[in-house]
Amino acid sequence: MREKLVSFGDDYWIETTGGRRAFKVDGKVARIRDTLVIRDMAGAEVAKVQERKIAIRDTMSIERPGRPDATIKKALISPLRERFTLSADDFADIDIQGNIVDHEYTFEVDGSKIAEVSKRWLRVRDSYGVEIDAGQDIGLILAATVALDQMSH
């Protein structure tokens, strides 16, 4: 993924490590909410990330076709590292923590890492990698990563 090129109203591609386009992020600016739609290569919607305009703390929703909406929220208290929680009715809460702005953070369930975001794997400027364990919801993790990009800028 490319950093700082992402904003509502912009489109960009998420590529595999081999450079093959895997998902398109379609940025839309609506009157009420800003929206990013993640589509697979066939054009099917995988997830929709929307900013919640009225929230006590930083919150974004992730709509998933045929599945319950997920919510990503910033933790009220963040000691040394930034912390967020990703939750929905169909999975256990996912804790996200690390340096969000510098793209060095992990996704964990009950203390076990299920995905990691890092710049150190790639040499391409302004890019970072997202490594997702087998069996995890790729669309959800990528949508959460896109949402965190929006929340950290």
N, C-alpha and C. Protein backbone atom coordinates (compact mmCIF):
# COMPACT_ATOMS: atom_id res chain seq x y z
N MET A 1 0.84 -1.18 0.00
CA MET A 1 0.00 0.00 0.00
C MET A 1 0.89 1.24 0.00
N ARG A 2 0.38 2.29 -0.51
CA ARG A 2 1.12 3.56 -0.54
C ARG A 2 0.62 4.46 0.56
N GLU A 3 1.54 5.13 1.25
CA GLU A 3 1.13 6.02 2.33
C GLU A 3 0.98 7.45 1.83
N LYS A 4 0.18 8.21 2.50
CA LYS A 4 -0.04 9.63 2.26
C LYS A 4 -0.55 9.94 0.86
N LEU A 5 -0.81 8.94 0.07
CA LEU A 5 -1.46 9.18 -1.21
C LEU A 5 -2.95 8.90 -1.06
N VAL A 6 -3.31 8.44 0.13
CA VAL A 6 -4.67 8.01 0.38
C VAL A 6 -5.47 9.14 1.00
N SER A 7 -6.56 9.49 0.37
CA SER A 7 -7.48 10.44 0.98
C SER A 7 -8.85 10.23 0.35
N PHE A 8 -9.87 10.69 1.04
CA PHE A 8 -11.19 10.57 0.49
C PHE A 8 -11.22 11.34 -0.83
N GLY A 9 -11.80 10.74 -1.84
CA GLY A 9 -11.83 11.36 -3.15
C GLY A 9 -10.76 10.81 -4.07
N ASP A 10 -9.81 10.05 -3.54
CA ASP A 10 -8.73 9.47 -4.34
C ASP A 10 -8.96 7.98 -4.55
N ASP A 11 -8.45 7.46 -5.65
CA ASP A 11 -8.45 6.03 -5.93
C ASP A 11 -7.01 5.55 -5.91
N TYR A 12 -6.79 4.30 -5.47
CA TYR A 12 -5.47 3.70 -5.54
C TYR A 12 -5.59 2.19 -5.50
N TRP A 13 -4.49 1.50 -5.76
CA TRP A 13 -4.46 0.04 -5.82
C TRP A 13 -3.71 -0.52 -4.62
N ILE A 14 -4.16 -1.68 -4.13
CA ILE A 14 -3.42 -2.47 -3.17
C ILE A 14 -2.83 -3.62 -3.98
N GLU A 15 -1.51 -3.77 -3.92
CA GLU A 15 -0.83 -4.77 -4.73
C GLU A 15 -0.26 -5.90 -3.88
N THR A 16 -0.06 -7.06 -4.52
CA THR A 16 0.60 -8.17 -3.85
C THR A 16 2.09 -7.87 -3.78
N THR A 17 2.85 -8.70 -3.05
CA THR A 17 4.30 -8.48 -2.97
C THR A 17 4.95 -8.59 -4.33
N GLY A 18 4.34 -9.32 -5.26
CA GLY A 18 4.87 -9.44 -6.61
C GLY A 18 4.50 -8.27 -7.51
N GLY A 19 3.77 -7.30 -6.97
CA GLY A 19 3.40 -6.12 -7.75
C GLY A 19 2.11 -6.27 -8.53
N ARG A 20 1.39 -7.38 -8.35
CA ARG A 20 0.12 -7.60 -9.04
C ARG A 20 -0.99 -6.86 -8.30
N ARG A 21 -1.82 -6.15 -9.04
CA ARG A 21 -2.95 -5.45 -8.42
C ARG A 21 -3.93 -6.47 -7.87
N ALA A 22 -4.31 -6.30 -6.59
CA ALA A 22 -5.20 -7.26 -5.94
C ALA A 22 -6.53 -6.63 -5.55
N PHE A 23 -6.50 -5.38 -5.11
CA PHE A 23 -7.71 -4.68 -4.69
C PHE A 23 -7.62 -3.23 -5.14
N LYS A 24 -8.77 -2.63 -5.43
CA LYS A 24 -8.82 -1.21 -5.75
C LYS A 24 -9.54 -0.50 -4.62
N VAL A 25 -8.99 0.61 -4.17
CA VAL A 25 -9.65 1.45 -3.18
C VAL A 25 -10.21 2.64 -3.94
N ASP A 26 -11.53 2.74 -3.91
CA ASP A 26 -12.27 3.75 -4.65
C ASP A 26 -12.71 4.82 -3.65
N GLY A 27 -12.09 5.99 -3.69
CA GLY A 27 -12.42 7.06 -2.76
C GLY A 27 -13.59 7.87 -3.25
N LYS A 28 -14.57 8.07 -2.39
CA LYS A 28 -15.75 8.86 -2.76
C LYS A 28 -15.97 9.91 -1.69
N VAL A 29 -16.34 11.09 -2.11
CA VAL A 29 -16.68 12.13 -1.16
C VAL A 29 -18.17 12.38 -1.29
N ALA A 30 -18.88 12.11 -0.23
CA ALA A 30 -20.33 12.32 -0.20
C ALA A 30 -20.62 13.53 0.67
N ARG A 31 -21.82 14.02 0.59
CA ARG A 31 -22.17 15.20 1.39
C ARG A 31 -22.13 14.91 2.89
N ILE A 32 -22.66 13.76 3.28
CA ILE A 32 -22.77 13.47 4.71
C ILE A 32 -21.54 12.75 5.24
N ARG A 33 -21.02 11.78 4.48
CA ARG A 33 -19.88 11.00 4.95
C ARG A 33 -18.86 10.82 3.84
N ASP A 34 -17.60 10.75 4.24
CA ASP A 34 -16.54 10.38 3.31
C ASP A 34 -16.48 8.86 3.28
N THR A 35 -16.28 8.29 2.10
CA THR A 35 -16.34 6.84 1.93
C THR A 35 -15.19 6.34 1.08
N LEU A 36 -14.61 5.21 1.47
CA LEU A 36 -13.64 4.48 0.66
C LEU A 36 -14.21 3.09 0.44
N VAL A 37 -14.33 2.66 -0.82
CA VAL A 37 -14.85 1.34 -1.15
C VAL A 37 -13.69 0.48 -1.64
N ILE A 38 -13.53 -0.69 -1.03
CA ILE A 38 -12.48 -1.63 -1.44
C ILE A 38 -13.14 -2.67 -2.32
N ARG A 39 -12.60 -2.83 -3.54
CA ARG A 39 -13.15 -3.77 -4.51
C ARG A 39 -12.09 -4.79 -4.91
N ASP A 40 -12.53 -6.03 -5.18
CA ASP A 40 -11.59 -7.02 -5.68
C ASP A 40 -11.39 -6.77 -7.18
N MET A 41 -10.58 -7.60 -7.82
CA MET A 41 -10.25 -7.37 -9.23
C MET A 41 -11.45 -7.57 -10.16
N ALA A 42 -12.47 -8.25 -9.70
CA ALA A 42 -13.69 -8.43 -10.50
C ALA A 42 -14.64 -7.25 -10.32
N GLY A 43 -14.28 -6.31 -9.44
CA GLY A 43 -15.11 -5.14 -9.20
C GLY A 43 -16.12 -5.31 -8.08
N ALA A 44 -16.13 -6.49 -7.44
CA ALA A 44 -17.07 -6.73 -6.34
C ALA A 44 -16.62 -5.99 -5.09
N GLU A 45 -17.57 -5.40 -4.38
CA GLU A 45 -17.26 -4.67 -3.16
C GLU A 45 -16.89 -5.67 -2.05
N VAL A 46 -15.71 -5.45 -1.45
CA VAL A 46 -15.23 -6.29 -0.35
C VAL A 46 -15.56 -5.62 0.98
N ALA A 47 -15.39 -4.30 1.03
CA ALA A 47 -15.67 -3.54 2.25
C ALA A 47 -15.83 -2.08 1.90
N LYS A 48 -16.53 -1.35 2.78
CA LYS A 48 -16.71 0.08 2.62
C LYS A 48 -16.33 0.73 3.95
N VAL A 49 -15.40 1.68 3.90
CA VAL A 49 -14.94 2.38 5.09
C VAL A 49 -15.58 3.76 5.10
N GLN A 50 -16.26 4.09 6.22
CA GLN A 50 -16.92 5.39 6.31
C GLN A 50 -16.55 6.06 7.63
N GLU A 51 -16.29 7.35 7.52
CA GLU A 51 -16.01 8.15 8.71
C GLU A 51 -17.32 8.45 9.41
N ARG A 52 -17.32 8.29 10.70
CA ARG A 52 -18.50 8.66 11.49
C ARG A 52 -18.32 10.10 11.92
N LYS A 53 -19.23 10.95 11.50
CA LYS A 53 -19.11 12.38 11.76
C LYS A 53 -19.43 12.74 13.21
N ILE A 54 -20.31 11.97 13.84
CA ILE A 54 -20.68 12.29 15.22
C ILE A 54 -20.20 11.14 16.10
N ALA A 55 -19.09 11.37 16.80
CA ALA A 55 -18.53 10.33 17.68
C ALA A 55 -17.76 10.99 18.81
N ILE A 56 -17.77 10.34 19.95
CA ILE A 56 -17.05 10.87 21.11
C ILE A 56 -15.55 10.76 20.89
N ARG A 57 -15.11 9.67 20.28
CA ARG A 57 -13.70 9.50 19.98
C ARG A 57 -13.56 9.08 18.54
N ASP A 58 -12.35 9.05 18.04
CA ASP A 58 -12.13 8.69 16.64
C ASP A 58 -12.74 7.32 16.36
N THR A 59 -13.68 7.29 15.41
CA THR A 59 -14.40 6.07 15.06
C THR A 59 -14.66 6.05 13.56
N MET A 60 -14.50 4.87 12.96
CA MET A 60 -14.89 4.66 11.57
C MET A 60 -15.63 3.35 11.48
N SER A 61 -16.58 3.27 10.55
CA SER A 61 -17.30 2.02 10.35
C SER A 61 -16.81 1.35 9.07
N ILE A 62 -16.87 0.03 9.09
CA ILE A 62 -16.50 -0.77 7.93
C ILE A 62 -17.71 -1.63 7.59
N GLU A 63 -18.34 -1.33 6.46
CA GLU A 63 -19.47 -2.12 6.00
C GLU A 63 -18.94 -3.28 5.18
N ARG A 64 -19.48 -4.48 5.45
CA ARG A 64 -19.04 -5.68 4.75
C ARG A 64 -20.27 -6.35 4.14
N PRO A 65 -20.32 -6.49 2.82
CA PRO A 65 -21.49 -7.09 2.17
C PRO A 65 -21.84 -8.45 2.77
N GLY A 66 -23.10 -8.59 3.21
CA GLY A 66 -23.57 -9.86 3.73
C GLY A 66 -23.09 -10.21 5.13
N ARG A 67 -22.39 -9.30 5.79
CA ARG A 67 -21.87 -9.55 7.13
C ARG A 67 -22.12 -8.33 8.01
N PRO A 68 -22.07 -8.49 9.34
CA PRO A 68 -22.29 -7.34 10.21
C PRO A 68 -21.23 -6.25 10.01
N ASP A 69 -21.63 -5.01 10.15
CA ASP A 69 -20.67 -3.90 10.07
C ASP A 69 -19.65 -4.03 11.18
N ALA A 70 -18.44 -3.59 10.91
CA ALA A 70 -17.37 -3.56 11.91
C ALA A 70 -17.12 -2.11 12.27
N THR A 71 -16.55 -1.88 13.45
CA THR A 71 -16.22 -0.53 13.91
C THR A 71 -14.79 -0.52 14.39
N ILE A 72 -14.06 0.52 14.02
CA ILE A 72 -12.70 0.70 14.51
C ILE A 72 -12.70 1.97 15.35
N LYS A 73 -12.24 1.84 16.59
CA LYS A 73 -12.27 2.96 17.54
C LYS A 73 -10.90 3.15 18.16
N LYS A 74 -10.54 4.40 18.34
CA LYS A 74 -9.30 4.72 19.04
C LYS A 74 -9.53 4.52 20.54
N ALA A 75 -8.54 3.96 21.22
CA ALA A 75 -8.64 3.75 22.66
C ALA A 75 -8.63 5.09 23.37
N LEU A 76 -9.40 5.19 24.45
CA LEU A 76 -9.43 6.43 25.22
C LEU A 76 -8.09 6.72 25.87
N ILE A 77 -7.45 5.67 26.37
CA ILE A 77 -6.15 5.84 27.03
C ILE A 77 -5.11 5.07 26.23
N SER A 78 -4.11 5.78 25.74
CA SER A 78 -3.02 5.15 24.99
C SER A 78 -1.70 5.51 25.65
N PRO A 79 -1.15 4.61 26.46
CA PRO A 79 0.07 4.94 27.19
C PRO A 79 1.24 5.32 26.28
N LEU A 80 1.95 4.37 25.73
CA LEU A 80 3.12 4.67 24.92
C LEU A 80 2.90 4.45 23.44
N ARG A 81 1.95 3.61 23.11
CA ARG A 81 1.69 3.28 21.72
C ARG A 81 0.24 3.61 21.39
N GLU A 82 -0.01 3.86 20.13
CA GLU A 82 -1.39 4.10 19.71
C GLU A 82 -2.14 2.77 19.76
N ARG A 83 -3.38 2.84 20.21
CA ARG A 83 -4.19 1.62 20.33
C ARG A 83 -5.58 1.86 19.76
N PHE A 84 -6.05 0.86 19.04
CA PHE A 84 -7.39 0.88 18.48
C PHE A 84 -8.03 -0.48 18.71
N THR A 85 -9.35 -0.54 18.62
CA THR A 85 -10.07 -1.81 18.71
C THR A 85 -10.97 -1.93 17.48
N LEU A 86 -10.90 -3.09 16.84
CA LEU A 86 -11.75 -3.43 15.70
C LEU A 86 -12.75 -4.45 16.19
N SER A 87 -14.04 -4.15 16.04
CA SER A 87 -15.04 -5.07 16.57
C SER A 87 -16.25 -5.19 15.64
N ALA A 88 -16.91 -6.34 15.75
CA ALA A 88 -18.17 -6.62 15.06
C ALA A 88 -18.80 -7.82 15.74
N ASP A 89 -20.03 -8.10 15.41
CA ASP A 89 -20.75 -9.20 16.05
C ASP A 89 -20.28 -10.59 15.62
N ASP A 90 -19.54 -10.70 14.52
CA ASP A 90 -19.17 -12.03 14.02
C ASP A 90 -17.71 -12.41 14.24
N PHE A 91 -16.97 -11.66 15.05
CA PHE A 91 -15.59 -12.05 15.39
C PHE A 91 -15.21 -11.45 16.74
N ALA A 92 -14.17 -12.04 17.35
CA ALA A 92 -13.66 -11.53 18.63
C ALA A 92 -12.99 -10.19 18.38
N ASP A 93 -13.02 -9.30 19.37
CA ASP A 93 -12.37 -7.99 19.22
C ASP A 93 -10.92 -8.16 18.80
N ILE A 94 -10.50 -7.30 17.89
CA ILE A 94 -9.12 -7.29 17.41
C ILE A 94 -8.47 -6.03 17.95
N ASP A 95 -7.37 -6.21 18.69
CA ASP A 95 -6.60 -5.09 19.21
C ASP A 95 -5.55 -4.70 18.19
N ILE A 96 -5.45 -3.41 17.93
CA ILE A 96 -4.46 -2.89 16.98
C ILE A 96 -3.59 -1.93 17.77
N GLN A 97 -2.26 -2.17 17.75
CA GLN A 97 -1.39 -1.28 18.50
C GLN A 97 -0.02 -1.17 17.87
N GLY A 98 0.60 -0.04 18.11
CA GLY A 98 1.92 0.24 17.58
C GLY A 98 2.00 1.69 17.14
N ASN A 99 2.86 1.96 16.19
CA ASN A 99 3.04 3.31 15.67
C ASN A 99 2.25 3.40 14.36
N ILE A 100 1.03 3.88 14.46
CA ILE A 100 0.12 3.92 13.31
C ILE A 100 0.65 4.87 12.23
N VAL A 101 1.08 6.05 12.62
CA VAL A 101 1.55 7.06 11.67
C VAL A 101 2.75 6.56 10.86
N ASP A 102 3.66 5.83 11.52
CA ASP A 102 4.85 5.31 10.83
C ASP A 102 4.64 3.92 10.22
N HIS A 103 3.39 3.43 10.25
CA HIS A 103 3.05 2.14 9.65
C HIS A 103 3.88 0.99 10.22
N GLU A 104 3.92 0.91 11.55
CA GLU A 104 4.58 -0.19 12.26
C GLU A 104 3.64 -0.62 13.38
N TYR A 105 2.71 -1.53 13.08
CA TYR A 105 1.74 -1.94 14.09
C TYR A 105 1.23 -3.35 13.82
N THR A 106 0.57 -3.92 14.84
CA THR A 106 0.07 -5.29 14.75
C THR A 106 -1.43 -5.35 15.04
N PHE A 107 -2.06 -6.38 14.50
CA PHE A 107 -3.44 -6.74 14.80
C PHE A 107 -3.35 -8.00 15.66
N GLU A 108 -4.01 -8.01 16.81
CA GLU A 108 -3.95 -9.16 17.71
C GLU A 108 -5.33 -9.55 18.21
N VAL A 109 -5.52 -10.86 18.42
CA VAL A 109 -6.72 -11.39 19.06
C VAL A 109 -6.24 -12.18 20.28
N ASP A 110 -6.71 -11.78 21.45
CA ASP A 110 -6.31 -12.44 22.70
C ASP A 110 -4.80 -12.56 22.83
N GLY A 111 -4.06 -11.52 22.43
CA GLY A 111 -2.61 -11.50 22.57
C GLY A 111 -1.84 -12.20 21.47
N SER A 112 -2.52 -12.83 20.52
CA SER A 112 -1.85 -13.51 19.40
C SER A 112 -1.94 -12.66 18.14
N LYS A 113 -0.79 -12.43 17.51
CA LYS A 113 -0.75 -11.62 16.30
C LYS A 113 -1.42 -12.35 15.14
N ILE A 114 -2.32 -11.63 14.45
CA ILE A 114 -2.98 -12.19 13.26
C ILE A 114 -2.60 -11.44 11.99
N ALA A 115 -2.04 -10.24 12.15
CA ALA A 115 -1.60 -9.44 10.99
C ALA A 115 -0.62 -8.39 11.47
N GLU A 116 0.21 -7.93 10.55
CA GLU A 116 1.20 -6.90 10.88
C GLU A 116 1.36 -5.95 9.70
N VAL A 117 1.55 -4.67 10.02
CA VAL A 117 1.80 -3.64 9.02
C VAL A 117 3.20 -3.11 9.28
N SER A 118 4.01 -3.01 8.21
CA SER A 118 5.38 -2.53 8.39
C SER A 118 5.93 -1.93 7.10
N LYS A 119 6.78 -0.93 7.28
CA LYS A 119 7.50 -0.33 6.15
C LYS A 119 8.82 -1.04 5.90
N ARG A 120 9.33 -1.74 6.90
CA ARG A 120 10.69 -2.28 6.79
C ARG A 120 10.82 -3.42 5.78
N TRP A 121 9.71 -4.01 5.32
CA TRP A 121 9.78 -5.09 4.34
C TRP A 121 9.96 -4.58 2.92
N LEU A 122 9.63 -3.32 2.68
CA LEU A 122 9.64 -2.79 1.32
C LEU A 122 10.66 -1.68 1.16
N ARG A 123 11.25 -1.64 0.00
CA ARG A 123 12.23 -0.59 -0.31
C ARG A 123 11.62 0.53 -1.15
N VAL A 124 10.38 0.35 -1.59
CA VAL A 124 9.72 1.35 -2.43
C VAL A 124 9.30 2.52 -1.54
N ARG A 125 9.66 3.71 -1.95
CA ARG A 125 9.36 4.91 -1.18
C ARG A 125 7.86 5.07 -0.95
N ASP A 126 7.49 5.52 0.23
CA ASP A 126 6.10 5.78 0.58
C ASP A 126 5.20 4.56 0.47
N SER A 127 5.76 3.37 0.66
CA SER A 127 4.98 2.14 0.62
C SER A 127 5.17 1.37 1.91
N TYR A 128 4.20 0.52 2.22
CA TYR A 128 4.33 -0.35 3.37
C TYR A 128 3.61 -1.66 3.09
N GLY A 129 3.98 -2.69 3.82
CA GLY A 129 3.40 -4.00 3.62
C GLY A 129 2.38 -4.34 4.68
N VAL A 130 1.44 -5.21 4.31
CA VAL A 130 0.45 -5.73 5.24
C VAL A 130 0.54 -7.25 5.14
N GLU A 131 1.02 -7.89 6.21
CA GLU A 131 1.14 -9.35 6.24
C GLU A 131 -0.01 -9.90 7.07
N ILE A 132 -0.83 -10.75 6.47
CA ILE A 132 -2.03 -11.27 7.11
C ILE A 132 -1.91 -12.78 7.23
N ASP A 133 -2.09 -13.30 8.45
CA ASP A 133 -2.00 -14.74 8.67
C ASP A 133 -3.08 -15.47 7.88
N ALA A 134 -2.77 -16.72 7.49
CA ALA A 134 -3.72 -17.56 6.77
C ALA A 134 -4.99 -17.72 7.60
N GLY A 135 -6.13 -17.74 6.93
CA GLY A 135 -7.39 -17.95 7.60
C GLY A 135 -8.05 -16.69 8.12
N GLN A 136 -7.36 -15.55 8.01
CA GLN A 136 -7.93 -14.29 8.47
C GLN A 136 -8.73 -13.63 7.35
N ASP A 137 -9.60 -12.70 7.71
CA ASP A 137 -10.43 -11.98 6.76
C ASP A 137 -9.59 -10.88 6.11
N ILE A 138 -9.07 -11.15 4.93
CA ILE A 138 -8.16 -10.21 4.25
C ILE A 138 -8.83 -8.87 4.00
N GLY A 139 -10.07 -8.89 3.51
CA GLY A 139 -10.79 -7.65 3.23
C GLY A 139 -10.97 -6.80 4.48
N LEU A 140 -11.28 -7.43 5.60
CA LEU A 140 -11.47 -6.71 6.85
C LEU A 140 -10.16 -6.07 7.32
N ILE A 141 -9.07 -6.83 7.29
CA ILE A 141 -7.77 -6.30 7.74
C ILE A 141 -7.33 -5.14 6.83
N LEU A 142 -7.49 -5.30 5.52
CA LEU A 142 -7.12 -4.22 4.59
C LEU A 142 -8.01 -3.00 4.80
N ALA A 143 -9.31 -3.22 5.01
CA ALA A 143 -10.22 -2.09 5.26
C ALA A 143 -9.83 -1.37 6.55
N ALA A 144 -9.47 -2.12 7.58
CA ALA A 144 -9.03 -1.50 8.84
C ALA A 144 -7.74 -0.71 8.64
N THR A 145 -6.84 -1.23 7.83
CA THR A 145 -5.58 -0.53 7.54
C THR A 145 -5.86 0.78 6.81
N VAL A 146 -6.78 0.74 5.85
CA VAL A 146 -7.18 1.96 5.12
C VAL A 146 -7.82 2.95 6.09
N ALA A 147 -8.69 2.45 6.98
CA ALA A 147 -9.34 3.32 7.95
C ALA A 147 -8.31 3.97 8.87
N LEU A 148 -7.33 3.20 9.32
CA LEU A 148 -6.29 3.76 10.20
C LEU A 148 -5.48 4.83 9.48
N ASP A 149 -5.23 4.66 8.18
CA ASP A 149 -4.55 5.70 7.41
C ASP A 149 -5.34 7.00 7.47
N GLN A 150 -6.65 6.89 7.31
CA GLN A 150 -7.50 8.06 7.33
C GLN A 150 -7.52 8.71 8.72
N MET A 151 -7.57 7.89 9.75
CA MET A 151 -7.68 8.39 11.13
C MET A 151 -6.37 9.01 11.61
N SER A 152 -5.24 8.61 11.01
CA SER A 152 -3.95 9.10 11.51
C SER A 152 -3.45 10.34 10.76
N HIS A 153 -4.20 10.79 9.76
CA HIS A 153 -3.77 11.99 9.00
C HIS A 153 -4.66 13.15 9.29
